[in-house]
Amino acid sequence: MIFVGIDWSEQHHDIEVQDTDGAVLATARVADGLDGIGSLHALLAGHADDPAEVVVGIEIDRGLLSGRWSPPAMKCSGRSSR
């Protein structure tokens, strides 16, 4: 199981990947849009073989990152900071 935190913005997104003990496995900044989504998928694929082992937390509940990017098996939780 890995945990992915996404700090969303209109220009880029900051990513942190942690294991079940809270150890940071990776950090990244990806561009907004399809290229960024591809970079995020590649990052996650390096840390989890099964999409069901990925838990995503994101601060927004709309847009490409919060809905369309994640395979159906991934658990995604949206939370607005507003």
PDB file of N, CA and C in Angstrom:
ATOM      1  N   MET A   1       0.845  -1.172   0.000  1.00  0.00           N
ATOM      2  CA  MET A   1       0.000   0.000   0.000  1.00  0.00           C
ATOM      3  C   MET A   1       0.892   1.237   0.000  1.00  0.00           C
ATOM      4  N   ILE A   2       0.566   2.211  -0.873  1.00  0.00           N
ATOM      5  CA  ILE A   2       1.232   3.509  -0.837  1.00  0.00           C
ATOM      6  C   ILE A   2       0.170   4.594  -0.726  1.00  0.00           C
ATOM      7  N   PHE A   3       0.584   5.708  -0.182  1.00  0.00           N
ATOM      8  CA  PHE A   3      -0.298   6.856  -0.003  1.00  0.00           C
ATOM      9  C   PHE A   3       0.275   8.021  -0.796  1.00  0.00           C
ATOM     10  N   VAL A   4      -0.597   8.683  -1.562  1.00  0.00           N
ATOM     11  CA  VAL A   4      -0.176   9.759  -2.443  1.00  0.00           C
ATOM     12  C   VAL A   4      -0.923  11.028  -2.057  1.00  0.00           C
ATOM     13  N   GLY A   5      -0.180  12.062  -1.725  1.00  0.00           N
ATOM     14  CA  GLY A   5      -0.774  13.362  -1.441  1.00  0.00           C
ATOM     15  C   GLY A   5      -0.512  14.283  -2.612  1.00  0.00           C
ATOM     16  N   ILE A   6      -1.559  14.983  -3.052  1.00  0.00           N
ATOM     17  CA  ILE A   6      -1.427  15.892  -4.189  1.00  0.00           C
ATOM     18  C   ILE A   6      -1.868  17.282  -3.757  1.00  0.00           C
ATOM     19  N   ASP A   7      -0.942  18.242  -3.844  1.00  0.00           N
ATOM     20  CA  ASP A   7      -1.238  19.648  -3.601  1.00  0.00           C
ATOM     21  C   ASP A   7      -1.483  20.277  -4.965  1.00  0.00           C
ATOM     22  N   TRP A   8      -2.722  20.585  -5.252  1.00  0.00           N
ATOM     23  CA  TRP A   8      -3.176  21.007  -6.566  1.00  0.00           C
ATOM     24  C   TRP A   8      -2.973  22.505  -6.760  1.00  0.00           C
ATOM     25  N   SER A   9      -2.621  22.917  -7.984  1.00  0.00           N
ATOM     26  CA  SER A   9      -2.681  24.323  -8.390  1.00  0.00           C
ATOM     27  C   SER A   9      -2.984  24.361  -9.885  1.00  0.00           C
ATOM     28  N   GLU A  10      -3.242  25.541 -10.399  1.00  0.00           N
ATOM     29  CA  GLU A  10      -3.610  25.646 -11.815  1.00  0.00           C
ATOM     30  C   GLU A  10      -2.430  25.454 -12.753  1.00  0.00           C
ATOM     31  N   GLN A  11      -1.204  25.664 -12.284  1.00  0.00           N
ATOM     32  CA  GLN A  11      -0.031  25.525 -13.145  1.00  0.00           C
ATOM     33  C   GLN A  11       0.696  24.192 -12.967  1.00  0.00           C
ATOM     34  N   HIS A  12       0.722  23.665 -11.751  1.00  0.00           N
ATOM     35  CA  HIS A  12       1.451  22.429 -11.472  1.00  0.00           C
ATOM     36  C   HIS A  12       0.862  21.785 -10.219  1.00  0.00           C
ATOM     37  N   HIS A  13       1.315  20.582  -9.933  1.00  0.00           N
ATOM     38  CA  HIS A  13       0.833  19.848  -8.762  1.00  0.00           C
ATOM     39  C   HIS A  13       2.040  19.246  -8.045  1.00  0.00           C
ATOM     40  N   ASP A  14       2.097  19.433  -6.733  1.00  0.00           N
ATOM     41  CA  ASP A  14       3.172  18.855  -5.931  1.00  0.00           C
ATOM     42  C   ASP A  14       2.700  17.514  -5.376  1.00  0.00           C
ATOM     43  N   ILE A  15       3.543  16.508  -5.511  1.00  0.00           N
ATOM     44  CA  ILE A  15       3.199  15.129  -5.176  1.00  0.00           C
ATOM     45  C   ILE A  15       4.137  14.624  -4.083  1.00  0.00           C
ATOM     46  N   GLU A  16       3.574  13.878  -3.131  1.00  0.00           N
ATOM     47  CA  GLU A  16       4.399  13.139  -2.173  1.00  0.00           C
ATOM     48  C   GLU A  16       3.839  11.730  -2.067  1.00  0.00           C
ATOM     49  N   VAL A  17       4.718  10.753  -2.134  1.00  0.00           N
ATOM     50  CA  VAL A  17       4.344   9.343  -2.024  1.00  0.00           C
ATOM     51  C   VAL A  17       4.958   8.801  -0.733  1.00  0.00           C
ATOM     52  N   GLN A  18       4.124   8.143   0.089  1.00  0.00           N
ATOM     53  CA  GLN A  18       4.585   7.565   1.353  1.00  0.00           C
ATOM     54  C   GLN A  18       4.211   6.092   1.426  1.00  0.00           C
ATOM     55  N   ASP A  19       4.993   5.347   2.205  1.00  0.00           N
ATOM     56  CA  ASP A  19       4.640   3.952   2.463  1.00  0.00           C
ATOM     57  C   ASP A  19       3.749   3.872   3.703  1.00  0.00           C
ATOM     58  N   THR A  20       3.414   2.671   4.118  1.00  0.00           N
ATOM     59  CA  THR A  20       2.488   2.491   5.244  1.00  0.00           C
ATOM     60  C   THR A  20       3.068   2.950   6.577  1.00  0.00           C
ATOM     61  N   ASP A  21       4.378   3.107   6.646  1.00  0.00           N
ATOM     62  CA  ASP A  21       5.015   3.607   7.866  1.00  0.00           C
ATOM     63  C   ASP A  21       5.166   5.126   7.862  1.00  0.00           C
ATOM     64  N   GLY A  22       4.763   5.768   6.764  1.00  0.00           N
ATOM     65  CA  GLY A  22       4.887   7.218   6.653  1.00  0.00           C
ATOM     66  C   GLY A  22       6.217   7.687   6.101  1.00  0.00           C
ATOM     67  N   ALA A  23       7.052   6.752   5.688  1.00  0.00           N
ATOM     68  CA  ALA A  23       8.331   7.129   5.082  1.00  0.00           C
ATOM     69  C   ALA A  23       8.080   7.683   3.683  1.00  0.00           C
ATOM     70  N   VAL A  24       8.755   8.771   3.363  1.00  0.00           N
ATOM     71  CA  VAL A  24       8.596   9.386   2.046  1.00  0.00           C
ATOM     72  C   VAL A  24       9.365   8.563   1.020  1.00  0.00           C
ATOM     73  N   LEU A  25       8.644   8.076   0.020  1.00  0.00           N
ATOM     74  CA  LEU A  25       9.243   7.292  -1.053  1.00  0.00           C
ATOM     75  C   LEU A  25       9.648   8.165  -2.226  1.00  0.00           C
ATOM     76  N   ALA A  26       8.894   9.244  -2.463  1.00  0.00           N
ATOM     77  CA  ALA A  26       9.176  10.114  -3.602  1.00  0.00           C
ATOM     78  C   ALA A  26       8.437  11.433  -3.434  1.00  0.00           C
ATOM     79  N   THR A  27       9.010  12.474  -4.016  1.00  0.00           N
ATOM     80  CA  THR A  27       8.324  13.753  -4.163  1.00  0.00           C
ATOM     81  C   THR A  27       8.528  14.197  -5.599  1.00  0.00           C
ATOM     82  N   ALA A  28       7.578  14.945  -6.111  1.00  0.00           N
ATOM     83  CA  ALA A  28       7.683  15.414  -7.490  1.00  0.00           C
ATOM     84  C   ALA A  28       6.776  16.619  -7.684  1.00  0.00           C
ATOM     85  N   ARG A  29       7.084  17.380  -8.699  1.00  0.00           N
ATOM     86  CA  ARG A  29       6.196  18.438  -9.170  1.00  0.00           C
ATOM     87  C   ARG A  29       5.872  18.090 -10.615  1.00  0.00           C
ATOM     88  N   VAL A  30       4.587  17.991 -10.924  1.00  0.00           N
ATOM     89  CA  VAL A  30       4.172  17.656 -12.280  1.00  0.00           C
ATOM     90  C   VAL A  30       3.341  18.799 -12.844  1.00  0.00           C
ATOM     91  N   ALA A  31       3.411  18.959 -14.146  1.00  0.00           N
ATOM     92  CA  ALA A  31       2.656  20.001 -14.829  1.00  0.00           C
ATOM     93  C   ALA A  31       1.168  19.684 -14.804  1.00  0.00           C
ATOM     94  N   ASP A  32       0.351  20.710 -14.874  1.00  0.00           N
ATOM     95  CA  ASP A  32      -1.082  20.509 -15.027  1.00  0.00           C
ATOM     96  C   ASP A  32      -1.336  20.012 -16.446  1.00  0.00           C
ATOM     97  N   GLY A  33      -2.229  19.084 -16.631  1.00  0.00           N
ATOM     98  CA  GLY A  33      -2.565  18.585 -17.961  1.00  0.00           C
ATOM     99  C   GLY A  33      -2.142  17.144 -18.165  1.00  0.00           C
ATOM    100  N   LEU A  34      -2.317  16.687 -19.388  1.00  0.00           N
ATOM    101  CA  LEU A  34      -2.075  15.279 -19.702  1.00  0.00           C
ATOM    102  C   LEU A  34      -0.620  14.862 -19.528  1.00  0.00           C
ATOM    103  N   ASP A  35       0.328  15.736 -19.857  1.00  0.00           N
ATOM    104  CA  ASP A  35       1.737  15.380 -19.662  1.00  0.00           C
ATOM    105  C   ASP A  35       2.037  15.149 -18.181  1.00  0.00           C
ATOM    106  N   GLY A  36       1.476  15.990 -17.329  1.00  0.00           N
ATOM    107  CA  GLY A  36       1.661  15.825 -15.891  1.00  0.00           C
ATOM    108  C   GLY A  36       1.037  14.546 -15.376  1.00  0.00           C
ATOM    109  N   ILE A  37      -0.128  14.209 -15.913  1.00  0.00           N
ATOM    110  CA  ILE A  37      -0.795  12.964 -15.522  1.00  0.00           C
ATOM    111  C   ILE A  37       0.069  11.767 -15.907  1.00  0.00           C
ATOM    112  N   GLY A  38       0.661  11.824 -17.093  1.00  0.00           N
ATOM    113  CA  GLY A  38       1.560  10.754 -17.522  1.00  0.00           C
ATOM    114  C   GLY A  38       2.760  10.620 -16.597  1.00  0.00           C
ATOM    115  N   SER A  39       3.323  11.755 -16.191  1.00  0.00           N
ATOM    116  CA  SER A  39       4.451  11.735 -15.255  1.00  0.00           C
ATOM    117  C   SER A  39       4.042  11.152 -13.911  1.00  0.00           C
ATOM    118  N   LEU A  40       2.847  11.505 -13.456  1.00  0.00           N
ATOM    119  CA  LEU A  40       2.349  10.978 -12.184  1.00  0.00           C
ATOM    120  C   LEU A  40       2.134   9.471 -12.262  1.00  0.00           C
ATOM    121  N   HIS A  41       1.544   9.000 -13.343  1.00  0.00           N
ATOM    122  CA  HIS A  41       1.346   7.557 -13.513  1.00  0.00           C
ATOM    123  C   HIS A  41       2.681   6.821 -13.495  1.00  0.00           C
ATOM    124  N   ALA A  42       3.683   7.369 -14.190  1.00  0.00           N
ATOM    125  CA  ALA A  42       4.997   6.723 -14.220  1.00  0.00           C
ATOM    126  C   ALA A  42       5.608   6.680 -12.820  1.00  0.00           C
ATOM    127  N   LEU A  43       5.467   7.762 -12.070  1.00  0.00           N
ATOM    128  CA  LEU A  43       5.983   7.803 -10.701  1.00  0.00           C
ATOM    129  C   LEU A  43       5.326   6.733  -9.839  1.00  0.00           C
ATOM    130  N   LEU A  44       4.009   6.643  -9.904  1.00  0.00           N
ATOM    131  CA  LEU A  44       3.285   5.676  -9.073  1.00  0.00           C
ATOM    132  C   LEU A  44       3.572   4.242  -9.489  1.00  0.00           C
ATOM    133  N   ALA A  45       3.723   4.008 -10.786  1.00  0.00           N
ATOM    134  CA  ALA A  45       4.013   2.655 -11.269  1.00  0.00           C
ATOM    135  C   ALA A  45       5.342   2.146 -10.721  1.00  0.00           C
ATOM    136  N   GLY A  46       6.244   3.047 -10.392  1.00  0.00           N
ATOM    137  CA  GLY A  46       7.521   2.648  -9.820  1.00  0.00           C
ATOM    138  C   GLY A  46       7.439   2.234  -8.358  1.00  0.00           C
ATOM    139  N   HIS A  47       6.268   2.464  -7.740  1.00  0.00           N
ATOM    140  CA  HIS A  47       6.124   2.162  -6.311  1.00  0.00           C
ATOM    141  C   HIS A  47       4.983   1.204  -5.988  1.00  0.00           C
ATOM    142  N   ALA A  48       4.141   0.894  -6.966  1.00  0.00           N
ATOM    143  CA  ALA A  48       3.011  -0.016  -6.716  1.00  0.00           C
ATOM    144  C   ALA A  48       2.728  -0.819  -7.974  1.00  0.00           C
ATOM    145  N   ASP A  49       2.639  -2.129  -7.811  1.00  0.00           N
ATOM    146  CA  ASP A  49       2.326  -3.000  -8.943  1.00  0.00           C
ATOM    147  C   ASP A  49       0.833  -3.066  -9.215  1.00  0.00           C
ATOM    148  N   ASP A  50       0.027  -2.876  -8.191  1.00  0.00           N
ATOM    149  CA  ASP A  50      -1.425  -3.030  -8.285  1.00  0.00           C
ATOM    150  C   ASP A  50      -2.098  -1.702  -7.951  1.00  0.00           C
ATOM    151  N   PRO A  51      -2.913  -1.147  -8.863  1.00  0.00           N
ATOM    152  CA  PRO A  51      -3.596   0.118  -8.583  1.00  0.00           C
ATOM    153  C   PRO A  51      -4.437   0.094  -7.307  1.00  0.00           C
ATOM    154  N   ALA A  52      -4.897  -1.079  -6.888  1.00  0.00           N
ATOM    155  CA  ALA A  52      -5.686  -1.176  -5.654  1.00  0.00           C
ATOM    156  C   ALA A  52      -4.840  -0.886  -4.416  1.00  0.00           C
ATOM    157  N   GLU A  53      -3.524  -0.864  -4.577  1.00  0.00           N
ATOM    158  CA  GLU A  53      -2.613  -0.586  -3.466  1.00  0.00           C
ATOM    159  C   GLU A  53      -2.231   0.893  -3.376  1.00  0.00           C
ATOM    160  N   VAL A  54      -2.948   1.754  -4.106  1.00  0.00           N
ATOM    161  CA  VAL A  54      -2.654   3.188  -4.135  1.00  0.00           C
ATOM    162  C   VAL A  54      -3.831   3.949  -3.542  1.00  0.00           C
ATOM    163  N   VAL A  55      -3.556   4.749  -2.516  1.00  0.00           N
ATOM    164  CA  VAL A  55      -4.574   5.609  -1.913  1.00  0.00           C
ATOM    165  C   VAL A  55      -4.160   7.048  -2.189  1.00  0.00           C
ATOM    166  N   VAL A  56      -5.058   7.807  -2.807  1.00  0.00           N
ATOM    167  CA  VAL A  56      -4.754   9.173  -3.225  1.00  0.00           C
ATOM    168  C   VAL A  56      -5.568  10.158  -2.405  1.00  0.00           C
ATOM    169  N   GLY A  57      -4.910  11.182  -1.900  1.00  0.00           N
ATOM    170  CA  GLY A  57      -5.586  12.296  -1.245  1.00  0.00           C
ATOM    171  C   GLY A  57      -5.281  13.560  -2.024  1.00  0.00           C
ATOM    172  N   ILE A  58      -6.319  14.314  -2.358  1.00  0.00           N
ATOM    173  CA  ILE A  58      -6.147  15.534  -3.139  1.00  0.00           C
ATOM    174  C   ILE A  58      -7.053  16.602  -2.557  1.00  0.00           C
ATOM    175  N   GLU A  59      -6.613  17.843  -2.606  1.00  0.00           N
ATOM    176  CA  GLU A  59      -7.339  18.913  -1.937  1.00  0.00           C
ATOM    177  C   GLU A  59      -8.491  19.489  -2.752  1.00  0.00           C
ATOM    178  N   ILE A  60      -8.787  18.944  -3.903  1.00  0.00           N
ATOM    179  CA  ILE A  60      -9.844  19.491  -4.753  1.00  0.00           C
ATOM    180  C   ILE A  60     -10.678  18.341  -5.299  1.00  0.00           C
ATOM    181  N   ASP A  61     -11.952  18.583  -5.530  1.00  0.00           N
ATOM    182  CA  ASP A  61     -12.843  17.500  -5.956  1.00  0.00           C
ATOM    183  C   ASP A  61     -13.347  17.662  -7.386  1.00  0.00           C
ATOM    184  N   ARG A  62     -12.632  18.412  -8.197  1.00  0.00           N
ATOM    185  CA  ARG A  62     -13.031  18.580  -9.598  1.00  0.00           C
ATOM    186  C   ARG A  62     -11.765  18.618 -10.455  1.00  0.00           C
ATOM    187  N   GLY A  63     -11.949  18.463 -11.756  1.00  0.00           N
ATOM    188  CA  GLY A  63     -10.821  18.566 -12.668  1.00  0.00           C
ATOM    189  C   GLY A  63     -10.206  17.220 -13.012  1.00  0.00           C
ATOM    190  N   LEU A  64      -9.219  17.293 -13.874  1.00  0.00           N
ATOM    191  CA  LEU A  64      -8.565  16.106 -14.422  1.00  0.00           C
ATOM    192  C   LEU A  64      -7.928  15.237 -13.343  1.00  0.00           C
ATOM    193  N   LEU A  65      -7.223  15.836 -12.409  1.00  0.00           N
ATOM    194  CA  LEU A  65      -6.534  15.042 -11.385  1.00  0.00           C
ATOM    195  C   LEU A  65      -7.476  14.310 -10.452  1.00  0.00           C
ATOM    196  N   SER A  66      -8.569  14.932 -10.071  1.00  0.00           N
ATOM    197  CA  SER A  66      -9.416  14.315  -9.050  1.00  0.00           C
ATOM    198  C   SER A  66     -10.344  13.243  -9.587  1.00  0.00           C
ATOM    199  N   GLY A  67     -10.608  13.212 -10.865  1.00  0.00           N
ATOM    200  CA  GLY A  67     -11.578  12.254 -11.359  1.00  0.00           C
ATOM    201  C   GLY A  67     -11.088  11.345 -12.453  1.00  0.00           C
ATOM    202  N   ARG A  68     -10.651  11.907 -13.530  1.00  0.00           N
ATOM    203  CA  ARG A  68     -10.397  11.106 -14.727  1.00  0.00           C
ATOM    204  C   ARG A  68      -9.058  10.399 -14.744  1.00  0.00           C
ATOM    205  N   TRP A  69      -8.099  10.854 -13.956  1.00  0.00           N
ATOM    206  CA  TRP A  69      -6.759  10.280 -14.080  1.00  0.00           C
ATOM    207  C   TRP A  69      -6.599   8.947 -13.402  1.00  0.00           C
ATOM    208  N   SER A  70      -7.377   8.680 -12.376  1.00  0.00           N
ATOM    209  CA  SER A  70      -7.103   7.481 -11.593  1.00  0.00           C
ATOM    210  C   SER A  70      -7.833   6.269 -12.147  1.00  0.00           C
ATOM    211  N   PRO A  71      -7.145   5.148 -12.274  1.00  0.00           N
ATOM    212  CA  PRO A  71      -7.839   3.920 -12.660  1.00  0.00           C
ATOM    213  C   PRO A  71      -8.931   3.614 -11.643  1.00  0.00           C
ATOM    214  N   PRO A  72     -10.006   2.958 -12.070  1.00  0.00           N
ATOM    215  CA  PRO A  72     -11.123   2.691 -11.155  1.00  0.00           C
ATOM    216  C   PRO A  72     -10.726   1.963  -9.877  1.00  0.00           C
ATOM    217  N   ALA A  73      -9.671   1.182  -9.915  1.00  0.00           N
ATOM    218  CA  ALA A  73      -9.285   0.424  -8.720  1.00  0.00           C
ATOM    219  C   ALA A  73      -8.608   1.293  -7.669  1.00  0.00           C
ATOM    220  N   MET A  74      -8.106   2.457  -8.075  1.00  0.00           N
ATOM    221  CA  MET A  74      -7.445   3.334  -7.107  1.00  0.00           C
ATOM    222  C   MET A  74      -8.471   4.018  -6.224  1.00  0.00           C
ATOM    223  N   LYS A  75      -8.139   4.174  -4.968  1.00  0.00           N
ATOM    224  CA  LYS A  75      -9.006   4.880  -4.032  1.00  0.00           C
ATOM    225  C   LYS A  75      -8.619   6.347  -4.071  1.00  0.00           C
ATOM    226  N   CYS A  76      -9.573   7.232  -4.308  1.00  0.00           N
ATOM    227  CA  CYS A  76      -9.269   8.652  -4.404  1.00  0.00           C
ATOM    228  C   CYS A  76     -10.193   9.428  -3.487  1.00  0.00           C
ATOM    229  N   SER A  77      -9.625  10.275  -2.656  1.00  0.00           N
ATOM    230  CA  SER A  77     -10.402  11.081  -1.725  1.00  0.00           C
ATOM    231  C   SER A  77     -10.141  12.547  -1.999  1.00  0.00           C
ATOM    232  N   GLY A  78     -11.190  13.293  -2.291  1.00  0.00           N
ATOM    233  CA  GLY A  78     -11.047  14.724  -2.533  1.00  0.00           C
ATOM    234  C   GLY A  78     -11.465  15.514  -1.321  1.00  0.00           C
ATOM    235  N   ARG A  79     -10.728  16.569  -1.039  1.00  0.00           N
ATOM    236  CA  ARG A  79     -11.089  17.432   0.081  1.00  0.00           C
ATOM    237  C   ARG A  79     -10.650  18.844  -0.263  1.00  0.00           C
ATOM    238  N   SER A  80     -11.586  19.747  -0.284  1.00  0.00           N
ATOM    239  CA  SER A  80     -11.270  21.136  -0.563  1.00  0.00           C
ATOM    240  C   SER A  80     -10.784  21.808   0.705  1.00  0.00           C
ATOM    241  N   SER A  81      -9.776  22.648   0.566  1.00  0.00           N
ATOM    242  CA  SER A  81      -9.261  23.379   1.722  1.00  0.00           C
ATOM    243  C   SER A  81     -10.010  24.687   1.931  1.00  0.00           C
ATOM    244  N   ARG A  82     -11.018  24.933   1.123  1.00  0.00           N
ATOM    245  CA  ARG A  82     -11.783  26.183   1.231  1.00  0.00           C
ATOM    246  C   ARG A  82     -12.932  26.068   2.163  1.00  0.00           C
TER     247      ARG A  82
END
